[in-house]
C-alpha atoms as a PDB file:
ATOM      1  CA  UNK A   1     130.425 167.000-101.305  1.00  0.00           C
ATOM      2  CA  UNK A   2     129.353 169.209 -98.732  1.00  0.00           C
ATOM      3  CA  UNK A   3     128.920 167.335 -95.285  1.00  0.00           C
ATOM      4  CA  UNK A   4     126.118 168.517 -93.008  1.00  0.00           C
ATOM      5  CA  UNK A   5     125.237 167.915 -89.542  1.00  0.00           C
ATOM      6  CA  UNK A   6     122.045 168.532 -87.798  1.00  0.00           C
ATOM      7  CA  UNK A   7     121.023 169.495 -84.150  1.00  0.00           C
ATOM      8  CA  UNK A   8     117.502 169.497 -83.557  1.00  0.00           C
ATOM      9  CA  UNK A   9     115.611 167.881 -80.609  1.00  0.00           C
ATOM     10  CA  UNK A  10     112.106 167.093 -82.528  1.00  0.00           C
ATOM     11  CA  UNK A  11     112.623 163.915 -83.654  1.00  0.00           C
ATOM     12  CA  UNK A  12     110.346 163.994 -86.613  1.00  0.00           C
ATOM     13  CA  UNK A  13     111.979 167.102 -88.178  1.00  0.00           C
ATOM     14  CA  UNK A  14     115.433 165.896 -87.457  1.00  0.00           C
ATOM     15  CA  UNK A  15     114.895 162.667 -89.415  1.00  0.00           C
ATOM     16  CA  UNK A  16     112.921 164.713 -92.132  1.00  0.00           C
ATOM     17  CA  UNK A  17     116.168 167.050 -92.654  1.00  0.00           C
ATOM     18  CA  UNK A  18     118.424 164.134 -92.334  1.00  0.00           C
ATOM     19  CA  UNK A  19     116.403 162.462 -95.168  1.00  0.00           C
ATOM     20  CA  UNK A  20     116.257 165.293 -97.133  1.00  0.00           C
ATOM     21  CA  UNK A  21     119.692 166.410 -97.017  1.00  0.00           C
ATOM     22  CA  UNK A  22     120.948 162.877 -97.689  1.00  0.00           C
ATOM     23  CA  UNK A  23     118.739 162.586-100.650  1.00  0.00           C
ATOM     24  CA  UNK A  24     120.201 165.863-102.157  1.00  0.00           C
ATOM     25  CA  UNK A  25     122.833 165.574-104.722  1.00  0.00           C
ATOM     26  CA  UNK A  26     126.204 166.913-103.435  1.00  0.00           C
ATOM     27  CA  UNK A  27     125.140 166.710 -99.835  1.00  0.00           C
ATOM     28  CA  UNK A  28     125.335 164.132 -97.064  1.00  0.00           C
ATOM     29  CA  UNK A  29     124.334 164.237 -93.830  1.00  0.00           C
ATOM     30  CA  UNK A  30     126.823 163.026 -91.457  1.00  0.00           C
ATOM     31  CA  UNK A  31     125.526 163.676 -87.977  1.00  0.00           C
ATOM     32  CA  UNK A  32     122.127 164.031 -86.388  1.00  0.00           C
ATOM     33  CA  UNK A  33     122.010 164.963 -82.886  1.00  0.00           C
ATOM     34  CA  UNK A  34     118.717 165.641 -80.636  1.00  0.00           C
ATOM     35  CA  UNK A  35     120.731 168.005 -78.039  1.00  0.00           C
ATOM     36  CA  UNK A  36     123.833 170.129 -77.690  1.00  0.00           C
ATOM     37  CA  UNK A  37     125.515 167.563 -75.245  1.00  0.00           C
ATOM     38  CA  UNK A  38     125.266 164.946 -78.098  1.00  0.00           C
ATOM     39  CA  UNK A  39     126.365 167.509 -80.644  1.00  0.00           C
ATOM     40  CA  UNK A  40     129.688 168.704 -78.688  1.00  0.00           C
ATOM     41  CA  UNK A  41     130.498 164.905 -78.531  1.00  0.00           C
ATOM     42  CA  UNK A  42     129.707 163.938 -81.986  1.00  0.00           C
ATOM     43  CA  UNK A  43     130.099 166.778 -84.412  1.00  0.00           C
ATOM     44  CA  UNK A  44     133.839 167.312 -83.749  1.00  0.00           C
ATOM     45  CA  UNK A  45     134.572 163.525 -84.857  1.00  0.00           C
ATOM     46  CA  UNK A  46     132.014 163.676 -87.749  1.00  0.00           C
ATOM     47  CA  UNK A  47     133.698 166.924 -89.104  1.00  0.00           C
ATOM     48  CA  UNK A  48     130.889 168.488 -91.215  1.00  0.00           C
ATOM     49  CA  UNK A  49     131.137 171.582 -93.253  1.00  0.00           C
ATOM     50  CA  UNK A  50     127.976 173.085 -92.289  1.00  0.00           C
ATOM     51  CA  UNK A  51     125.577 172.593 -89.257  1.00  0.00           C
ATOM     52  CA  UNK A  52     121.802 173.052 -88.897  1.00  0.00           C
ATOM     53  CA  UNK A  53     121.658 174.104 -85.243  1.00  0.00           C
ATOM     54  CA  UNK A  54     118.182 174.495 -83.608  1.00  0.00           C
ATOM     55  CA  UNK A  55     118.196 177.537 -81.093  1.00  0.00           C
ATOM     56  CA  UNK A  56     115.534 176.374 -78.714  1.00  0.00           C
ATOM     57  CA  UNK A  57     117.344 172.937 -77.076  1.00  0.00           C
ATOM     58  CA  UNK A  58     116.584 170.995 -74.027  1.00  0.00           C
ATOM     59  CA  UNK A  59     119.498 171.518 -71.636  1.00  0.00           C
ATOM     60  CA  UNK A  60     122.147 173.638 -73.096  1.00  0.00           C
ATOM     61  CA  UNK A  61     120.641 176.039 -75.794  1.00  0.00           C
ATOM     62  CA  UNK A  62     121.793 176.134 -79.258  1.00  0.00           C
ATOM     63  CA  UNK A  63     123.483 179.451 -78.812  1.00  0.00           C
ATOM     64  CA  UNK A  64     125.828 177.706 -76.347  1.00  0.00           C
ATOM     65  CA  UNK A  65     126.507 174.967 -78.284  1.00  0.00           C
ATOM     66  CA  UNK A  66     127.333 177.192 -81.115  1.00  0.00           C
ATOM     67  CA  UNK A  67     129.807 179.271 -79.051  1.00  0.00           C
ATOM     68  CA  UNK A  68     131.593 176.015 -77.933  1.00  0.00           C
ATOM     69  CA  UNK A  69     131.608 174.357 -81.437  1.00  0.00           C
ATOM     70  CA  UNK A  70     133.160 177.519 -83.030  1.00  0.00           C
ATOM     71  CA  UNK A  71     135.911 177.378 -80.056  1.00  0.00           C
ATOM     72  CA  UNK A  72     136.685 173.850 -81.308  1.00  0.00           C
ATOM     73  CA  UNK A  73     136.141 173.992 -84.953  1.00  0.00           C
ATOM     74  CA  UNK A  74     136.940 177.838 -85.782  1.00  0.00           C
ATOM     75  CA  UNK A  75     136.013 177.310 -89.553  1.00  0.00           C
ATOM     76  CA  UNK A  76     132.831 175.579 -89.189  1.00  0.00           C
ATOM     77  CA  UNK A  77     129.742 177.203 -90.667  1.00  0.00           C
ATOM     78  CA  UNK A  78     126.526 177.034 -88.433  1.00  0.00           C
ATOM     79  CA  UNK A  79     123.240 178.145 -89.587  1.00  0.00           C
ATOM     80  CA  UNK A  80     120.566 178.470 -86.806  1.00  0.00           C
ATOM     81  CA  UNK A  81     117.014 176.834 -87.367  1.00  0.00           C
ATOM     82  CA  UNK A  82     114.169 179.065 -85.646  1.00  0.00           C
ATOM     83  CA  UNK A  83     110.353 178.767 -85.691  1.00  0.00           C
ATOM     84  CA  UNK A  84     109.971 182.669 -86.261  1.00  0.00           C
ATOM     85  CA  UNK A  85     112.182 185.638 -86.450  1.00  0.00           C
ATOM     86  CA  UNK A  86     113.367 186.257 -82.942  1.00  0.00           C
ATOM     87  CA  UNK A  87     115.504 189.283 -83.608  1.00  0.00           C
ATOM     88  CA  UNK A  88     117.015 189.127 -80.220  1.00  0.00           C
ATOM     89  CA  UNK A  89     117.832 185.326 -80.287  1.00  0.00           C
ATOM     90  CA  UNK A  90     118.859 185.317 -83.672  1.00  0.00           C
ATOM     91  CA  UNK A  91     121.519 188.198 -82.807  1.00  0.00           C
ATOM     92  CA  UNK A  92     122.960 186.410 -79.920  1.00  0.00           C
ATOM     93  CA  UNK A  93     123.610 183.475 -81.952  1.00  0.00           C
ATOM     94  CA  UNK A  94     125.331 185.176 -84.439  1.00  0.00           C
ATOM     95  CA  UNK A  95     127.734 186.782 -81.806  1.00  0.00           C
ATOM     96  CA  UNK A  96     128.259 183.509 -80.793  1.00  0.00           C
ATOM     97  CA  UNK A  97     129.703 182.733 -84.061  1.00  0.00           C
ATOM     98  CA  UNK A  98     126.631 181.278 -86.507  1.00  0.00           C
ATOM     99  CA  UNK A  99     127.034 182.255 -89.931  1.00  0.00           C
ATOM    100  CA  UNK A 100     123.063 183.141 -90.447  1.00  0.00           C
ATOM    101  CA  UNK A 101     119.566 181.416 -89.899  1.00  0.00           C
ATOM    102  CA  UNK A 102     116.574 179.885 -91.871  1.00  0.00           C
ATOM    103  CA  UNK A 103     113.152 179.518 -90.512  1.00  0.00           C
ATOM    104  CA  UNK A 104     112.034 176.106 -89.730  1.00  0.00           C
ATOM    105  CA  UNK A 105     108.821 176.830 -91.991  1.00  0.00           C
ATOM    106  CA  UNK A 106     111.622 177.354 -95.293  1.00  0.00           C
ATOM    107  CA  UNK A 107     110.870 174.846 -98.030  1.00  0.00           C
ATOM    108  CA  UNK A 108     113.601 172.626 -99.196  1.00  0.00           C
ATOM    109  CA  UNK A 109     115.121 174.946-101.914  1.00  0.00           C
ATOM    110  CA  UNK A 110     115.537 177.717 -99.198  1.00  0.00           C
ATOM    111  CA  UNK A 111     117.397 175.331 -96.894  1.00  0.00           C
ATOM    112  CA  UNK A 112     119.792 174.326 -99.877  1.00  0.00           C
ATOM    113  CA  UNK A 113     120.168 177.761-100.693  1.00  0.00           C
ATOM    114  CA  UNK A 114     121.217 178.799 -97.392  1.00  0.00           C
ATOM    115  CA  UNK A 115     123.774 176.195 -97.051  1.00  0.00           C
ATOM    116  CA  UNK A 116     125.040 177.096-100.612  1.00  0.00           C
ATOM    117  CA  UNK A 117     125.301 180.972 -99.109  1.00  0.00           C
ATOM    118  CA  UNK A 118     127.533 180.118 -96.395  1.00  0.00           C
ATOM    119  CA  UNK A 119     129.761 178.001 -98.138  1.00  0.00           C
ATOM    120  CA  UNK A 120     130.081 180.713-100.765  1.00  0.00           C
ATOM    121  CA  UNK A 121     131.081 183.034 -97.864  1.00  0.00           C
ATOM    122  CA  UNK A 122     127.860 184.677 -97.464  1.00  0.00           C
ATOM    123  CA  UNK A 123     125.118 184.992 -94.693  1.00  0.00           C
ATOM    124  CA  UNK A 124     121.584 184.294 -94.927  1.00  0.00           C
ATOM    125  CA  UNK A 125     120.164 186.830 -92.861  1.00  0.00           C
ATOM    126  CA  UNK A 126     118.277 190.239 -92.834  1.00  0.00           C
ATOM    127  CA  UNK A 127     120.080 193.356 -93.105  1.00  0.00           C
ATOM    128  CA  UNK A 128     118.403 194.370 -90.156  1.00  0.00           C
ATOM    129  CA  UNK A 129     120.011 191.450 -88.183  1.00  0.00           C
ATOM    130  CA  UNK A 130     123.499 191.947 -89.786  1.00  0.00           C
ATOM    131  CA  UNK A 131     123.587 195.584 -88.873  1.00  0.00           C
ATOM    132  CA  UNK A 132     122.695 194.862 -85.155  1.00  0.00           C
ATOM    133  CA  UNK A 133     125.901 192.431 -85.095  1.00  0.00           C
ATOM    134  CA  UNK A 134     128.177 194.966 -86.697  1.00  0.00           C
ATOM    135  CA  UNK A 135     127.139 197.430 -83.894  1.00  0.00           C
ATOM    136  CA  UNK A 136     128.064 194.910 -81.331  1.00  0.00           C
ATOM    137  CA  UNK A 137     131.259 194.387 -82.963  1.00  0.00           C
ATOM    138  CA  UNK A 138     131.958 197.874 -83.032  1.00  0.00           C
ATOM    139  CA  UNK A 139     131.001 198.686 -79.169  1.00  0.00           C
ATOM    140  CA  UNK A 140     134.093 198.654 -76.931  1.00  0.00           C
ATOM    141  CA  UNK A 141     136.500 198.815 -80.117  1.00  0.00           C
ATOM    142  CA  UNK A 142     139.035 201.538 -79.271  1.00  0.00           C
ATOM    143  CA  UNK A 143     142.281 200.458 -81.075  1.00  0.00           C
ATOM    144  CA  UNK A 144     142.744 199.564 -84.571  1.00  0.00           C
ATOM    145  CA  UNK A 145     143.093 195.591 -85.122  1.00  0.00           C
ATOM    146  CA  UNK A 146     146.645 194.686 -85.699  1.00  0.00           C
ATOM    147  CA  UNK A 147     145.298 192.480 -88.663  1.00  0.00           C
ATOM    148  CA  UNK A 148     143.693 195.302 -90.262  1.00  0.00           C
ATOM    149  CA  UNK A 149     142.434 196.352 -93.683  1.00  0.00           C
ATOM    150  CA  UNK A 150     145.291 197.981 -94.888  1.00  0.00           C
ATOM    151  CA  UNK A 151     146.452 194.874 -96.881  1.00  0.00           C
ATOM    152  CA  UNK A 152     142.990 194.931 -99.203  1.00  0.00           C
ATOM    153  CA  UNK A 153     142.759 196.025-102.690  1.00  0.00           C
ATOM    154  CA  UNK A 154     140.623 198.897-103.265  1.00  0.00           C
ATOM    155  CA  UNK A 155     137.779 196.715-104.546  1.00  0.00           C
ATOM    156  CA  UNK A 156     138.110 194.588-101.700  1.00  0.00           C
ATOM    157  CA  UNK A 157     137.685 197.996 -99.698  1.00  0.00           C
ATOM    158  CA  UNK A 158     134.529 198.836-101.230  1.00  0.00           C
ATOM    159  CA  UNK A 159     132.892 195.545-101.159  1.00  0.00           C
ATOM    160  CA  UNK A 160     133.930 195.200 -97.427  1.00  0.00           C
ATOM    161  CA  UNK A 161     132.471 198.546 -96.637  1.00  0.00           C
ATOM    162  CA  UNK A 162     129.084 197.619 -98.085  1.00  0.00           C
ATOM    163  CA  UNK A 163     129.131 194.370 -96.158  1.00  0.00           C
ATOM    164  CA  UNK A 164     129.406 196.552 -93.056  1.00  0.00           C
ATOM    165  CA  UNK A 165     126.570 198.704 -94.132  1.00  0.00           C
ATOM    166  CA  UNK A 166     124.670 195.461 -93.887  1.00  0.00           C
ATOM    167  CA  UNK A 167     124.260 195.114 -97.967  1.00  0.00           C
ATOM    168  CA  UNK A 168     123.668 191.435 -99.140  1.00  0.00           C
ATOM    169  CA  UNK A 169     125.735 189.823-102.241  1.00  0.00           C
ATOM    170  CA  UNK A 170     123.186 190.805-104.781  1.00  0.00           C
ATOM    171  CA  UNK A 171     122.878 194.421-103.581  1.00  0.00           C
ATOM    172  CA  UNK A 172     126.714 194.507-103.690  1.00  0.00           C
ATOM    173  CA  UNK A 173     127.034 193.346-107.197  1.00  0.00           C
ATOM    174  CA  UNK A 174     124.101 195.730-108.338  1.00  0.00           C
ATOM    175  CA  UNK A 175     125.917 198.700-106.642  1.00  0.00           C
ATOM    176  CA  UNK A 176     129.411 197.740-108.235  1.00  0.00           C
ATOM    177  CA  UNK A 177     127.988 196.373-111.513  1.00  0.00           C
ATOM    178  CA  UNK A 178     129.728 193.197-110.698  1.00  0.00           C
ATOM    179  CA  UNK A 179     128.478 189.488-110.781  1.00  0.00           C
ATOM    180  CA  UNK A 180     127.142 187.632-107.702  1.00  0.00           C
ATOM    181  CA  UNK A 181     130.034 185.175-108.264  1.00  0.00           C
ATOM    182  CA  UNK A 182     132.392 188.111-108.545  1.00  0.00           C
ATOM    183  CA  UNK A 183     131.540 189.330-105.129  1.00  0.00           C
ATOM    184  CA  UNK A 184     131.759 185.772-103.719  1.00  0.00           C
ATOM    185  CA  UNK A 185     135.083 185.358-104.941  1.00  0.00           C
ATOM    186  CA  UNK A 186     136.228 188.947-103.370  1.00  0.00           C
ATOM    187  CA  UNK A 187     134.588 188.011-100.104  1.00  0.00           C
ATOM    188  CA  UNK A 188     136.685 184.781 -99.863  1.00  0.00           C
ATOM    189  CA  UNK A 189     140.165 186.850-100.326  1.00  0.00           C
ATOM    190  CA  UNK A 190     139.077 189.378 -97.745  1.00  0.00           C
ATOM    191  CA  UNK A 191     138.234 186.406 -95.233  1.00  0.00           C
ATOM    192  CA  UNK A 192     141.811 185.008 -96.249  1.00  0.00           C
ATOM    193  CA  UNK A 193     143.599 188.291 -95.926  1.00  0.00           C
ATOM    194  CA  UNK A 194     141.849 189.125 -92.961  1.00  0.00           C
ATOM    195  CA  UNK A 195     141.879 185.715 -90.943  1.00  0.00           C
ATOM    196  CA  UNK A 196     138.332 185.745 -90.237  1.00  0.00           C
ATOM    197  CA  UNK A 197     135.620 183.101 -91.115  1.00  0.00           C
ATOM    198  CA  UNK A 198     132.542 185.009 -91.775  1.00  0.00           C
ATOM    199  CA  UNK A 199     131.087 188.494 -93.019  1.00  0.00           C
ATOM    200  CA  UNK A 200     130.324 189.898 -89.706  1.00  0.00           C
ATOM    201  CA  UNK A 201     133.718 189.040 -88.147  1.00  0.00           C
ATOM    202  CA  UNK A 202     134.986 190.981 -91.558  1.00  0.00           C
ATOM    203  CA  UNK A 203     132.831 194.078 -91.050  1.00  0.00           C
ATOM    204  CA  UNK A 204     133.851 194.263 -87.560  1.00  0.00           C
ATOM    205  CA  UNK A 205     137.632 194.458 -88.496  1.00  0.00           C
ATOM    206  CA  UNK A 206     136.398 197.359 -91.125  1.00  0.00           C
ATOM    207  CA  UNK A 207     134.550 199.251 -88.529  1.00  0.00           C
ATOM    208  CA  UNK A 208     137.586 198.900 -86.006  1.00  0.00           C
ATOM    209  CA  UNK A 209     139.894 200.090 -88.687  1.00  0.00           C
ATOM    210  CA  UNK A 210     137.834 203.124 -89.855  1.00  0.00           C
ATOM    211  CA  UNK A 211     135.350 203.856 -87.066  1.00  0.00           C
ATOM    212  CA  UNK A 212     134.658 207.278 -88.169  1.00  0.00           C
ATOM    213  CA  UNK A 213     135.612 207.660 -91.149  1.00  0.00           C
ATOM    214  CA  UNK A 214     132.881 209.819 -93.037  1.00  0.00           C
ATOM    215  CA  UNK A 215     134.659 209.195 -96.717  1.00  0.00           C
ATOM    216  CA  UNK A 216     134.129 205.396 -96.767  1.00  0.00           C
ATOM    217  CA  UNK A 217     133.505 203.474 -99.604  1.00  0.00           C
ATOM    218  CA  UNK A 218     129.863 202.713 -98.395  1.00  0.00           C
ATOM    219  CA  UNK A 219     129.233 206.465 -97.609  1.00  0.00           C
ATOM    220  CA  UNK A 220     130.572 207.192-101.400  1.00  0.00           C
ATOM    221  CA  UNK A 221     128.064 204.497-102.773  1.00  0.00           C
ATOM    222  CA  UNK A 222     125.103 205.527-100.851  1.00  0.00           C
END
């Protein structure tokens, strides 16, 4: 059972999402909040697996709420809800700790697929946004991370290099001639070994460990 919390100031949309998710097998809405302040009070007690977070909220923003929730609950997976692809806002949300984003006009299938993707270690976002996040982590990184990538297998390093290049799971599977499920399994092992919670954090550790390596797996496979 995937437990989901919703943070959305539009009452009609909030009720629709709660009812839709609650009626989807394997999913349960445990909390529906109208503001960041309400979310910061109720979500830690409800302990959801995934949060659907509106970027634009009255009072404190969804981005600020995401950062504070991730501090309180490091394993929480947060998907941003946005009306349109505001790249700058999405980028800021991902830097704050969100795992991906979905458009509010997405249909029910797309929303459930996004939830499944983050639960499986993925990140529903475009390659353009993913690369922006990775570059932001790279800036200012001057020393290797002590919890680096030397403990990863060669296959895990190949996958991590492609993640750092912004490739989606399906693209990685195609390039390496393996299944999507195998990619997801490798990613979960990578996260565990690197002590991270999402692909952008893992990619950042790769960038820090090999910031100027021209012979990276991604380069060899490009």
